[in-house]
Amino acid sequence: MPEEKSYYMTLEGKEKLEQELQYLKTERRQEVVERIKIARGFGDLSENSEYDAAKDEQAFVESRIAQIENMIRNAVIIENDTENPDMVALGKTITFQELPDGEEESYTIVGSAEADPFEGKISNDSPIAKSLLGHSVGEELTVPTPAGDMEVKILKVE
């Protein structure tokens, strides 16, 4: 049997997944079942696009439920590293500056399950996070990006 993948996340991220799972199981699932019932009333199922759309939505909801259950079952909660407060690690917010004179950027490194670049949360699997992990405040390093390598200096770790 293949080894299950671990999903690194904050306690907040796990709680958010649990809320989504609860919503999908209690409300969303019932809404889809109701749509299927209504669509069946439209007649011949072989040419019923409403029915097909509702069945597709049902498959999506059930797939998402299974995915979330797996993520919660294999969740590894990120603990704050108090021994090395200046070292980049999962769950910490890192501020760095692109060298020689770029703007400061801040990101929180989280597990892939709760990554959201628009909220400043990047996955520990991303090239930027992989390059920063294990380094400390004041260090300068090269970070590979799709647009080419960039030199950065770590300014702050929180």
N, C-alpha and C. Protein backbone atom coordinates (compact mmCIF):
# COMPACT_ATOMS: atom_id res chain seq x y z
N MET A 1 0.85 -1.19 0.00
CA MET A 1 0.00 0.00 0.00
C MET A 1 0.89 1.24 0.00
N PRO A 2 0.62 2.21 -0.87
CA PRO A 2 1.46 3.41 -0.92
C PRO A 2 1.36 4.22 0.37
N GLU A 3 2.45 4.89 0.69
CA GLU A 3 2.49 5.72 1.89
C GLU A 3 1.63 6.96 1.70
N GLU A 4 0.84 7.30 2.73
CA GLU A 4 -0.01 8.48 2.68
C GLU A 4 0.84 9.74 2.73
N LYS A 5 0.43 10.74 2.00
CA LYS A 5 1.12 12.03 2.00
C LYS A 5 0.73 12.81 3.26
N SER A 6 1.71 13.45 3.88
CA SER A 6 1.42 14.31 5.03
C SER A 6 1.07 15.70 4.52
N TYR A 7 0.11 16.33 5.18
CA TYR A 7 -0.31 17.67 4.82
C TYR A 7 0.05 18.60 5.98
N TYR A 8 1.06 19.42 5.77
CA TYR A 8 1.48 20.36 6.80
C TYR A 8 0.55 21.56 6.79
N MET A 9 0.07 21.91 7.99
CA MET A 9 -0.84 23.05 8.09
C MET A 9 -0.83 23.59 9.51
N THR A 10 -1.28 24.81 9.61
CA THR A 10 -1.43 25.42 10.93
C THR A 10 -2.71 24.89 11.55
N LEU A 11 -2.87 25.08 12.84
CA LEU A 11 -4.10 24.68 13.51
C LEU A 11 -5.29 25.42 12.90
N GLU A 12 -5.07 26.70 12.57
CA GLU A 12 -6.11 27.52 11.93
C GLU A 12 -6.51 26.93 10.57
N GLY A 13 -5.52 26.48 9.80
CA GLY A 13 -5.79 25.88 8.50
C GLY A 13 -6.59 24.59 8.62
N LYS A 14 -6.27 23.77 9.64
CA LYS A 14 -7.01 22.53 9.85
C LYS A 14 -8.46 22.83 10.25
N GLU A 15 -8.64 23.83 11.11
CA GLU A 15 -9.99 24.20 11.53
C GLU A 15 -10.81 24.70 10.34
N LYS A 16 -10.17 25.43 9.44
CA LYS A 16 -10.85 25.92 8.24
C LYS A 16 -11.31 24.75 7.36
N LEU A 17 -10.45 23.74 7.22
CA LEU A 17 -10.83 22.55 6.45
C LEU A 17 -11.98 21.80 7.11
N GLU A 18 -11.94 21.71 8.44
CA GLU A 18 -13.01 21.02 9.17
C GLU A 18 -14.35 21.75 8.98
N GLN A 19 -14.32 23.08 8.94
CA GLN A 19 -15.54 23.85 8.71
C GLN A 19 -16.07 23.61 7.29
N GLU A 20 -15.15 23.60 6.31
CA GLU A 20 -15.57 23.34 4.94
C GLU A 20 -16.18 21.94 4.82
N LEU A 21 -15.56 20.97 5.46
CA LEU A 21 -16.06 19.60 5.42
C LEU A 21 -17.46 19.53 6.03
N GLN A 22 -17.66 20.18 7.14
CA GLN A 22 -18.97 20.20 7.80
C GLN A 22 -20.03 20.81 6.87
N TYR A 23 -19.68 21.93 6.23
CA TYR A 23 -20.60 22.60 5.30
C TYR A 23 -20.94 21.67 4.13
N LEU A 24 -19.93 21.02 3.55
CA LEU A 24 -20.16 20.15 2.40
C LEU A 24 -21.05 18.96 2.77
N LYS A 25 -20.82 18.39 3.94
CA LYS A 25 -21.58 17.20 4.35
C LYS A 25 -23.02 17.53 4.76
N THR A 26 -23.21 18.68 5.38
CA THR A 26 -24.55 18.99 5.90
C THR A 26 -25.40 19.80 4.93
N GLU A 27 -24.87 20.89 4.41
CA GLU A 27 -25.67 21.77 3.56
C GLU A 27 -25.52 21.49 2.07
N ARG A 28 -24.29 21.51 1.59
CA ARG A 28 -24.05 21.42 0.14
C ARG A 28 -24.55 20.10 -0.44
N ARG A 29 -24.29 19.02 0.27
CA ARG A 29 -24.71 17.70 -0.19
C ARG A 29 -26.24 17.67 -0.36
N GLN A 30 -26.97 18.24 0.59
CA GLN A 30 -28.44 18.26 0.53
C GLN A 30 -28.93 19.13 -0.64
N GLU A 31 -28.25 20.26 -0.86
CA GLU A 31 -28.64 21.13 -1.97
C GLU A 31 -28.52 20.40 -3.31
N VAL A 32 -27.45 19.64 -3.47
CA VAL A 32 -27.22 18.91 -4.72
C VAL A 32 -28.26 17.80 -4.89
N VAL A 33 -28.56 17.09 -3.81
CA VAL A 33 -29.58 16.03 -3.88
C VAL A 33 -30.92 16.63 -4.30
N GLU A 34 -31.24 17.80 -3.77
CA GLU A 34 -32.50 18.48 -4.13
C GLU A 34 -32.50 18.86 -5.61
N ARG A 35 -31.36 19.35 -6.11
CA ARG A 35 -31.27 19.70 -7.54
C ARG A 35 -31.47 18.48 -8.42
N ILE A 36 -30.94 17.34 -7.99
CA ILE A 36 -31.10 16.10 -8.77
C ILE A 36 -32.58 15.70 -8.80
N LYS A 37 -33.26 15.80 -7.66
CA LYS A 37 -34.69 15.46 -7.59
C LYS A 37 -35.50 16.34 -8.54
N ILE A 38 -35.21 17.64 -8.52
CA ILE A 38 -35.93 18.58 -9.40
C ILE A 38 -35.66 18.26 -10.86
N ALA A 39 -34.39 17.99 -11.19
CA ALA A 39 -34.01 17.71 -12.57
C ALA A 39 -34.66 16.43 -13.09
N ARG A 40 -34.82 15.45 -12.21
CA ARG A 40 -35.49 14.20 -12.62
C ARG A 40 -36.92 14.47 -13.07
N GLY A 41 -37.53 15.46 -12.50
CA GLY A 41 -38.91 15.81 -12.85
C GLY A 41 -39.05 16.42 -14.23
N PHE A 42 -37.93 16.79 -14.85
CA PHE A 42 -37.98 17.40 -16.18
C PHE A 42 -38.13 16.39 -17.30
N GLY A 43 -38.15 15.11 -16.97
CA GLY A 43 -38.40 14.11 -18.01
C GLY A 43 -37.20 13.28 -18.36
N ASP A 44 -37.10 12.92 -19.65
CA ASP A 44 -36.09 12.01 -20.19
C ASP A 44 -34.67 12.38 -19.70
N LEU A 45 -34.06 11.47 -18.92
CA LEU A 45 -32.74 11.75 -18.36
C LEU A 45 -31.62 11.73 -19.40
N SER A 46 -31.84 11.06 -20.53
CA SER A 46 -30.79 10.97 -21.55
C SER A 46 -30.53 12.31 -22.23
N GLU A 47 -31.52 13.21 -22.22
CA GLU A 47 -31.35 14.52 -22.85
C GLU A 47 -31.58 15.65 -21.85
N ASN A 48 -31.31 15.39 -20.58
CA ASN A 48 -31.60 16.33 -19.52
C ASN A 48 -30.31 16.98 -19.02
N SER A 49 -30.03 18.17 -19.51
CA SER A 49 -28.77 18.83 -19.14
C SER A 49 -28.76 19.27 -17.67
N GLU A 50 -29.92 19.60 -17.13
CA GLU A 50 -30.02 19.95 -15.71
C GLU A 50 -29.59 18.78 -14.84
N TYR A 51 -30.06 17.60 -15.21
CA TYR A 51 -29.73 16.39 -14.46
C TYR A 51 -28.23 16.09 -14.56
N ASP A 52 -27.68 16.20 -15.77
CA ASP A 52 -26.24 15.96 -15.97
C ASP A 52 -25.40 16.94 -15.14
N ALA A 53 -25.79 18.20 -15.15
CA ALA A 53 -25.05 19.21 -14.39
C ALA A 53 -25.12 18.93 -12.89
N ALA A 54 -26.29 18.53 -12.41
CA ALA A 54 -26.45 18.23 -10.98
C ALA A 54 -25.63 17.00 -10.60
N LYS A 55 -25.60 15.99 -11.45
CA LYS A 55 -24.80 14.78 -11.18
C LYS A 55 -23.30 15.12 -11.19
N ASP A 56 -22.88 16.00 -12.11
CA ASP A 56 -21.48 16.43 -12.13
C ASP A 56 -21.12 17.17 -10.85
N GLU A 57 -22.02 18.01 -10.39
CA GLU A 57 -21.80 18.76 -9.16
C GLU A 57 -21.74 17.81 -7.97
N GLN A 58 -22.59 16.80 -7.98
CA GLN A 58 -22.58 15.81 -6.90
C GLN A 58 -21.23 15.09 -6.87
N ALA A 59 -20.71 14.73 -8.02
CA ALA A 59 -19.42 14.05 -8.09
C ALA A 59 -18.30 14.97 -7.56
N PHE A 60 -18.38 16.26 -7.91
CA PHE A 60 -17.38 17.21 -7.42
C PHE A 60 -17.44 17.32 -5.89
N VAL A 61 -18.64 17.46 -5.33
CA VAL A 61 -18.81 17.60 -3.88
C VAL A 61 -18.28 16.36 -3.17
N GLU A 62 -18.63 15.19 -3.66
CA GLU A 62 -18.18 13.95 -3.02
C GLU A 62 -16.66 13.79 -3.12
N SER A 63 -16.10 14.20 -4.24
CA SER A 63 -14.65 14.15 -4.40
C SER A 63 -13.95 15.11 -3.43
N ARG A 64 -14.50 16.30 -3.29
CA ARG A 64 -13.92 17.29 -2.36
C ARG A 64 -14.03 16.80 -0.92
N ILE A 65 -15.13 16.17 -0.56
CA ILE A 65 -15.29 15.62 0.79
C ILE A 65 -14.21 14.57 1.06
N ALA A 66 -14.00 13.68 0.11
CA ALA A 66 -12.98 12.64 0.27
C ALA A 66 -11.58 13.26 0.39
N GLN A 67 -11.32 14.28 -0.42
CA GLN A 67 -10.02 14.96 -0.39
C GLN A 67 -9.78 15.62 0.96
N ILE A 68 -10.78 16.34 1.47
CA ILE A 68 -10.63 17.03 2.75
C ILE A 68 -10.47 16.02 3.89
N GLU A 69 -11.26 14.94 3.86
CA GLU A 69 -11.13 13.92 4.90
C GLU A 69 -9.72 13.33 4.92
N ASN A 70 -9.16 13.10 3.74
CA ASN A 70 -7.79 12.59 3.65
C ASN A 70 -6.79 13.60 4.19
N MET A 71 -6.97 14.87 3.86
CA MET A 71 -6.06 15.92 4.33
C MET A 71 -6.10 16.05 5.85
N ILE A 72 -7.30 15.99 6.42
CA ILE A 72 -7.44 16.10 7.88
C ILE A 72 -6.84 14.87 8.55
N ARG A 73 -7.09 13.69 8.00
CA ARG A 73 -6.57 12.45 8.56
C ARG A 73 -5.04 12.45 8.57
N ASN A 74 -4.42 13.06 7.56
CA ASN A 74 -2.96 13.05 7.43
C ASN A 74 -2.34 14.41 7.76
N ALA A 75 -3.08 15.23 8.50
CA ALA A 75 -2.59 16.56 8.86
C ALA A 75 -1.43 16.47 9.84
N VAL A 76 -0.43 17.30 9.61
CA VAL A 76 0.67 17.48 10.55
C VAL A 76 0.64 18.96 10.93
N ILE A 77 0.31 19.22 12.19
CA ILE A 77 0.17 20.60 12.65
C ILE A 77 1.55 21.23 12.82
N ILE A 78 1.70 22.41 12.24
CA ILE A 78 2.96 23.15 12.32
C ILE A 78 3.04 23.83 13.68
N GLU A 79 4.11 23.53 14.40
CA GLU A 79 4.34 24.15 15.70
C GLU A 79 5.35 25.29 15.52
N ASN A 80 5.20 26.35 16.30
CA ASN A 80 6.17 27.44 16.24
C ASN A 80 7.50 26.99 16.84
N ASP A 81 8.58 27.28 16.14
CA ASP A 81 9.92 26.93 16.58
C ASP A 81 10.46 28.04 17.47
N THR A 82 10.39 27.84 18.79
CA THR A 82 10.84 28.88 19.71
C THR A 82 12.34 28.80 19.98
N GLU A 83 12.97 27.66 19.63
CA GLU A 83 14.41 27.50 19.86
C GLU A 83 15.22 28.34 18.88
N ASN A 84 14.75 28.47 17.66
CA ASN A 84 15.47 29.22 16.62
C ASN A 84 14.56 30.31 16.07
N PRO A 85 14.33 31.38 16.82
CA PRO A 85 13.36 32.40 16.38
C PRO A 85 13.77 33.14 15.11
N ASP A 86 15.06 33.16 14.74
CA ASP A 86 15.50 33.88 13.55
C ASP A 86 15.66 32.97 12.34
N MET A 87 15.29 31.68 12.47
CA MET A 87 15.44 30.74 11.36
C MET A 87 14.12 30.57 10.63
N VAL A 88 14.18 30.54 9.31
CA VAL A 88 13.00 30.36 8.48
C VAL A 88 12.51 28.92 8.64
N ALA A 89 11.21 28.78 8.96
CA ALA A 89 10.60 27.46 9.13
C ALA A 89 9.12 27.56 8.78
N LEU A 90 8.49 26.40 8.66
CA LEU A 90 7.06 26.36 8.39
C LEU A 90 6.30 27.10 9.47
N GLY A 91 5.28 27.84 9.05
CA GLY A 91 4.44 28.57 9.98
C GLY A 91 4.93 29.96 10.32
N LYS A 92 6.11 30.31 9.86
CA LYS A 92 6.66 31.63 10.16
C LYS A 92 6.45 32.58 8.98
N THR A 93 6.42 33.87 9.32
CA THR A 93 6.31 34.90 8.30
C THR A 93 7.70 35.46 8.05
N ILE A 94 8.09 35.48 6.79
CA ILE A 94 9.43 35.91 6.40
C ILE A 94 9.34 37.18 5.58
N THR A 95 10.16 38.14 5.95
CA THR A 95 10.27 39.37 5.17
C THR A 95 11.67 39.38 4.55
N PHE A 96 11.71 39.56 3.22
CA PHE A 96 13.01 39.61 2.54
C PHE A 96 12.98 40.73 1.53
N GLN A 97 14.17 41.10 1.10
CA GLN A 97 14.32 42.16 0.11
C GLN A 97 15.08 41.60 -1.07
N GLU A 98 14.56 41.88 -2.26
CA GLU A 98 15.27 41.48 -3.47
C GLU A 98 16.46 42.43 -3.63
N LEU A 99 17.62 41.87 -3.88
CA LEU A 99 18.83 42.68 -4.02
C LEU A 99 19.04 43.04 -5.48
N PRO A 100 19.64 44.14 -5.80
CA PRO A 100 20.31 45.06 -4.88
C PRO A 100 19.37 46.07 -4.22
N ASP A 101 18.28 46.44 -4.85
CA ASP A 101 17.47 47.51 -4.26
C ASP A 101 15.97 47.30 -4.46
N GLY A 102 15.53 46.07 -4.34
CA GLY A 102 14.12 45.75 -4.55
C GLY A 102 13.27 46.07 -3.33
N GLU A 103 11.97 45.96 -3.50
CA GLU A 103 11.04 46.21 -2.41
C GLU A 103 11.04 45.03 -1.45
N GLU A 104 10.60 45.29 -0.23
CA GLU A 104 10.46 44.23 0.75
C GLU A 104 9.20 43.42 0.43
N GLU A 105 9.29 42.11 0.62
CA GLU A 105 8.14 41.22 0.43
C GLU A 105 8.03 40.35 1.67
N SER A 106 6.80 40.06 2.08
CA SER A 106 6.56 39.21 3.24
C SER A 106 5.63 38.07 2.86
N TYR A 107 5.97 36.87 3.31
CA TYR A 107 5.15 35.69 3.07
C TYR A 107 5.16 34.81 4.31
N THR A 108 4.05 34.13 4.53
CA THR A 108 3.99 33.12 5.57
C THR A 108 4.13 31.78 4.87
N ILE A 109 5.04 30.94 5.36
CA ILE A 109 5.26 29.63 4.76
C ILE A 109 4.34 28.63 5.45
N VAL A 110 3.46 28.04 4.66
CA VAL A 110 2.47 27.09 5.18
C VAL A 110 2.52 25.82 4.33
N GLY A 111 1.80 24.81 4.74
CA GLY A 111 1.70 23.59 3.94
C GLY A 111 0.88 23.84 2.69
N SER A 112 1.02 22.97 1.72
CA SER A 112 0.33 23.15 0.44
C SER A 112 -1.19 23.18 0.59
N ALA A 113 -1.71 22.56 1.65
CA ALA A 113 -3.16 22.51 1.84
C ALA A 113 -3.77 23.88 2.10
N GLU A 114 -3.02 24.80 2.68
CA GLU A 114 -3.59 26.11 2.97
C GLU A 114 -2.87 27.26 2.27
N ALA A 115 -2.05 26.94 1.27
CA ALA A 115 -1.35 27.98 0.53
C ALA A 115 -2.34 28.87 -0.22
N ASP A 116 -2.11 30.17 -0.18
CA ASP A 116 -2.93 31.14 -0.89
C ASP A 116 -2.07 32.38 -1.12
N PRO A 117 -1.41 32.45 -2.27
CA PRO A 117 -0.50 33.57 -2.54
C PRO A 117 -1.16 34.94 -2.43
N PHE A 118 -2.46 35.02 -2.73
CA PHE A 118 -3.15 36.30 -2.64
C PHE A 118 -3.30 36.77 -1.20
N GLU A 119 -3.19 35.85 -0.25
CA GLU A 119 -3.23 36.20 1.17
C GLU A 119 -1.83 36.20 1.77
N GLY A 120 -0.80 36.07 0.94
CA GLY A 120 0.57 36.08 1.43
C GLY A 120 1.00 34.77 2.05
N LYS A 121 0.31 33.68 1.72
CA LYS A 121 0.66 32.36 2.25
C LYS A 121 1.18 31.51 1.10
N ILE A 122 2.47 31.11 1.21
CA ILE A 122 3.05 30.30 0.15
C ILE A 122 3.34 28.90 0.66
N SER A 123 3.25 27.94 -0.24
CA SER A 123 3.46 26.53 0.09
C SER A 123 4.93 26.26 0.40
N ASN A 124 5.14 25.35 1.35
CA ASN A 124 6.50 24.93 1.65
C ASN A 124 7.12 24.20 0.47
N ASP A 125 6.32 23.80 -0.52
CA ASP A 125 6.82 23.14 -1.72
C ASP A 125 7.19 24.12 -2.83
N SER A 126 6.89 25.41 -2.64
CA SER A 126 7.20 26.40 -3.68
C SER A 126 8.71 26.65 -3.74
N PRO A 127 9.21 27.07 -4.91
CA PRO A 127 10.64 27.32 -5.05
C PRO A 127 11.16 28.37 -4.06
N ILE A 128 10.38 29.43 -3.83
CA ILE A 128 10.82 30.48 -2.89
C ILE A 128 10.95 29.90 -1.49
N ALA A 129 9.92 29.20 -1.03
CA ALA A 129 9.95 28.64 0.33
C ALA A 129 11.07 27.62 0.48
N LYS A 130 11.22 26.75 -0.50
CA LYS A 130 12.29 25.74 -0.43
C LYS A 130 13.65 26.40 -0.29
N SER A 131 13.86 27.51 -0.98
CA SER A 131 15.14 28.22 -0.92
C SER A 131 15.35 28.89 0.43
N LEU A 132 14.27 29.40 1.04
CA LEU A 132 14.38 30.15 2.29
C LEU A 132 14.46 29.26 3.53
N LEU A 133 13.80 28.09 3.49
CA LEU A 133 13.74 27.23 4.67
C LEU A 133 15.14 26.88 5.19
N GLY A 134 15.30 27.01 6.50
CA GLY A 134 16.56 26.67 7.15
C GLY A 134 17.56 27.81 7.20
N HIS A 135 17.28 28.92 6.53
CA HIS A 135 18.18 30.07 6.55
C HIS A 135 17.75 31.05 7.65
N SER A 136 18.62 31.99 7.97
CA SER A 136 18.36 32.90 9.09
C SER A 136 18.38 34.36 8.66
N VAL A 137 17.91 35.22 9.57
CA VAL A 137 17.91 36.66 9.35
C VAL A 137 19.33 37.13 9.01
N GLY A 138 19.42 37.99 8.00
CA GLY A 138 20.71 38.55 7.59
C GLY A 138 21.37 37.80 6.45
N GLU A 139 20.95 36.58 6.19
CA GLU A 139 21.57 35.79 5.12
C GLU A 139 21.11 36.29 3.76
N GLU A 140 22.02 36.21 2.79
CA GLU A 140 21.72 36.52 1.40
C GLU A 140 21.80 35.22 0.63
N LEU A 141 20.82 34.99 -0.25
CA LEU A 141 20.82 33.74 -1.01
C LEU A 141 20.16 33.93 -2.36
N THR A 142 20.32 32.93 -3.21
CA THR A 142 19.74 32.94 -4.54
C THR A 142 18.47 32.10 -4.52
N VAL A 143 17.40 32.69 -5.04
CA VAL A 143 16.10 32.01 -5.08
C VAL A 143 15.72 31.81 -6.55
N PRO A 144 15.53 30.55 -6.97
CA PRO A 144 15.09 30.33 -8.36
C PRO A 144 13.61 30.66 -8.51
N THR A 145 13.28 31.37 -9.56
CA THR A 145 11.88 31.69 -9.87
C THR A 145 11.64 31.41 -11.35
N PRO A 146 10.39 31.32 -11.78
CA PRO A 146 10.12 31.10 -13.20
C PRO A 146 10.73 32.20 -14.10
N ALA A 147 10.85 33.41 -13.54
CA ALA A 147 11.40 34.52 -14.34
C ALA A 147 12.93 34.57 -14.26
N GLY A 148 13.54 33.63 -13.57
CA GLY A 148 15.00 33.61 -13.42
C GLY A 148 15.38 33.76 -11.95
N ASP A 149 16.64 33.52 -11.67
CA ASP A 149 17.12 33.60 -10.29
C ASP A 149 17.08 35.03 -9.77
N MET A 150 16.79 35.15 -8.46
CA MET A 150 16.85 36.46 -7.84
C MET A 150 17.64 36.34 -6.54
N GLU A 151 18.38 37.37 -6.24
CA GLU A 151 19.17 37.44 -5.01
C GLU A 151 18.31 38.12 -3.96
N VAL A 152 18.24 37.53 -2.76
CA VAL A 152 17.44 38.12 -1.69
C VAL A 152 18.22 38.14 -0.39
N LYS A 153 17.81 39.04 0.48
CA LYS A 153 18.37 39.10 1.82
C LYS A 153 17.19 38.97 2.80
N ILE A 154 17.32 38.05 3.75
CA ILE A 154 16.28 37.82 4.73
C ILE A 154 16.37 38.93 5.80
N LEU A 155 15.31 39.70 5.92
CA LEU A 155 15.29 40.84 6.84
C LEU A 155 14.68 40.51 8.20
N LYS A 156 13.62 39.69 8.18
CA LYS A 156 12.88 39.45 9.42
C LYS A 156 12.19 38.10 9.35
N VAL A 157 12.15 37.40 10.49
CA VAL A 157 11.42 36.15 10.62
C VAL A 157 10.53 36.27 11.85
N GLU A 158 9.24 36.08 11.66
CA GLU A 158 8.30 36.20 12.78
C GLU A 158 7.48 34.93 12.94
